Amino acid sequence: MSIQSLKEIYDADRKQRIIIYRTHTGQFSYTQEYFSEDPYEMCWIPTGREMIGIYDTEEKAEIEARANIDWLRGG
């Protein structure tokens, strides 16, 4: 089993996103990325700032992302 992207959640400007995914072990997690508008990049780049965990459901992964990422909390 490979990693499977399940859900993407974007900020209001669509410059940041989280991706909820299923791991190769069948568990769930998320990653945070921002869109680089640098002319030599123009791509999504992982922020490396989130506290990543492994969760037993997709819903728990999203709840944790919303608790740990400022723009998802509205702050």
C-alpha atoms as a PDB file:
ATOM      1  CA  MET A   1       0.000   0.000   0.000  1.00  0.00           C
ATOM      2  CA  SER A   2       1.353   3.457  -0.905  1.00  0.00           C
ATOM      3  CA  ILE A   3       0.598   6.896   0.523  1.00  0.00           C
ATOM      4  CA  GLN A   4      -2.819   8.145  -0.622  1.00  0.00           C
ATOM      5  CA  SER A   5      -3.886  11.796  -0.546  1.00  0.00           C
ATOM      6  CA  LEU A   6      -7.459  12.038   0.789  1.00  0.00           C
ATOM      7  CA  LYS A   7      -8.281  15.704   1.347  1.00  0.00           C
ATOM      8  CA  GLU A   8      -6.800  19.149   0.716  1.00  0.00           C
ATOM      9  CA  ILE A   9      -7.790  22.203   2.763  1.00  0.00           C
ATOM     10  CA  TYR A  10      -6.687  25.649   1.532  1.00  0.00           C
ATOM     11  CA  ASP A  11      -6.458  29.019   3.249  1.00  0.00           C
ATOM     12  CA  ALA A  12      -8.575  31.903   1.932  1.00  0.00           C
ATOM     13  CA  ASP A  13      -5.838  33.060  -0.476  1.00  0.00           C
ATOM     14  CA  ARG A  14      -5.061  29.514  -1.662  1.00  0.00           C
ATOM     15  CA  LYS A  15      -1.393  30.123  -0.787  1.00  0.00           C
ATOM     16  CA  GLN A  16      -1.267  27.540   2.028  1.00  0.00           C
ATOM     17  CA  ARG A  17      -2.784  24.104   2.316  1.00  0.00           C
ATOM     18  CA  ILE A  18      -2.822  20.969   4.347  1.00  0.00           C
ATOM     19  CA  ILE A  19      -3.091  17.535   2.855  1.00  0.00           C
ATOM     20  CA  ILE A  20      -4.691  14.737   4.850  1.00  0.00           C
ATOM     21  CA  TYR A  21      -3.345  11.385   3.704  1.00  0.00           C
ATOM     22  CA  ARG A  22      -3.369   7.663   4.410  1.00  0.00           C
ATOM     23  CA  THR A  23       0.075   6.233   5.135  1.00  0.00           C
ATOM     24  CA  HIS A  24       1.452   3.029   3.666  1.00  0.00           C
ATOM     25  CA  THR A  25       0.472   1.308   6.942  1.00  0.00           C
ATOM     26  CA  GLY A  26      -3.184   2.331   6.632  1.00  0.00           C
ATOM     27  CA  GLN A  27      -3.003   5.049   9.292  1.00  0.00           C
ATOM     28  CA  PHE A  28      -3.569   8.769   8.695  1.00  0.00           C
ATOM     29  CA  SER A  29      -1.576  11.975   8.944  1.00  0.00           C
ATOM     30  CA  TYR A  30      -1.260  15.435   7.381  1.00  0.00           C
ATOM     31  CA  THR A  31       1.329  17.767   5.944  1.00  0.00           C
ATOM     32  CA  GLN A  32       1.353  21.544   5.535  1.00  0.00           C
ATOM     33  CA  GLU A  33       2.583  23.313   2.381  1.00  0.00           C
ATOM     34  CA  TYR A  34       2.774  26.840   0.970  1.00  0.00           C
ATOM     35  CA  PHE A  35       2.807  27.918  -2.664  1.00  0.00           C
ATOM     36  CA  SER A  36       6.058  29.570  -3.718  1.00  0.00           C
ATOM     37  CA  GLU A  37       5.576  32.263  -6.343  1.00  0.00           C
ATOM     38  CA  ASP A  38       9.298  32.517  -6.960  1.00  0.00           C
ATOM     39  CA  PRO A  39       9.666  32.425 -10.773  1.00  0.00           C
ATOM     40  CA  TYR A  40      12.119  29.528 -10.477  1.00  0.00           C
ATOM     41  CA  GLU A  41       9.820  27.468  -8.276  1.00  0.00           C
ATOM     42  CA  MET A  42       6.071  28.108  -8.798  1.00  0.00           C
ATOM     43  CA  CYS A  43       5.213  25.004  -6.781  1.00  0.00           C
ATOM     44  CA  TRP A  44       3.970  23.705  -3.426  1.00  0.00           C
ATOM     45  CA  ILE A  45       6.682  23.433  -0.758  1.00  0.00           C
ATOM     46  CA  PRO A  46       6.402  21.703   2.649  1.00  0.00           C
ATOM     47  CA  THR A  47       6.666  24.174   5.525  1.00  0.00           C
ATOM     48  CA  GLY A  48       8.407  21.768   7.899  1.00  0.00           C
ATOM     49  CA  ARG A  49       6.778  23.586  10.857  1.00  0.00           C
ATOM     50  CA  GLU A  50       3.856  21.349  11.717  1.00  0.00           C
ATOM     51  CA  MET A  51       3.797  18.788  14.488  1.00  0.00           C
ATOM     52  CA  ILE A  52       3.016  15.606  12.622  1.00  0.00           C
ATOM     53  CA  GLY A  53       1.428  12.616  14.261  1.00  0.00           C
ATOM     54  CA  ILE A  54      -0.054   9.339  13.125  1.00  0.00           C
ATOM     55  CA  TYR A  55      -3.774   8.883  13.699  1.00  0.00           C
ATOM     56  CA  ASP A  56      -6.191   5.988  13.398  1.00  0.00           C
ATOM     57  CA  THR A  57      -8.806   7.937  11.406  1.00  0.00           C
ATOM     58  CA  GLU A  58      -8.857  10.651   8.753  1.00  0.00           C
ATOM     59  CA  GLU A  59     -11.091  12.721  11.021  1.00  0.00           C
ATOM     60  CA  LYS A  60      -8.589  12.651  13.905  1.00  0.00           C
ATOM     61  CA  ALA A  61      -5.802  13.777  11.568  1.00  0.00           C
ATOM     62  CA  GLU A  62      -7.922  16.760  10.471  1.00  0.00           C
ATOM     63  CA  ILE A  63      -8.859  17.646  14.068  1.00  0.00           C
ATOM     64  CA  GLU A  64      -5.166  17.692  15.012  1.00  0.00           C
ATOM     65  CA  ALA A  65      -4.255  19.785  11.966  1.00  0.00           C
ATOM     66  CA  ARG A  66      -6.952  22.318  12.878  1.00  0.00           C
ATOM     67  CA  ALA A  67      -5.657  22.428  16.462  1.00  0.00           C
ATOM     68  CA  ASN A  68      -1.998  22.879  15.451  1.00  0.00           C
ATOM     69  CA  ILE A  69      -2.066  25.205  12.424  1.00  0.00           C
ATOM     70  CA  ASP A  70      -2.835  28.871  13.053  1.00  0.00           C
ATOM     71  CA  TRP A  71      -4.621  29.695   9.798  1.00  0.00           C
ATOM     72  CA  LEU A  72      -6.933  26.694  10.216  1.00  0.00           C
ATOM     73  CA  ARG A  73      -7.888  27.976  13.685  1.00  0.00           C
ATOM     74  CA  GLY A  74      -8.570  31.417  12.256  1.00  0.00           C
ATOM     75  CA  GLY A  75      -5.580  32.993  13.995  1.00  0.00           C
END
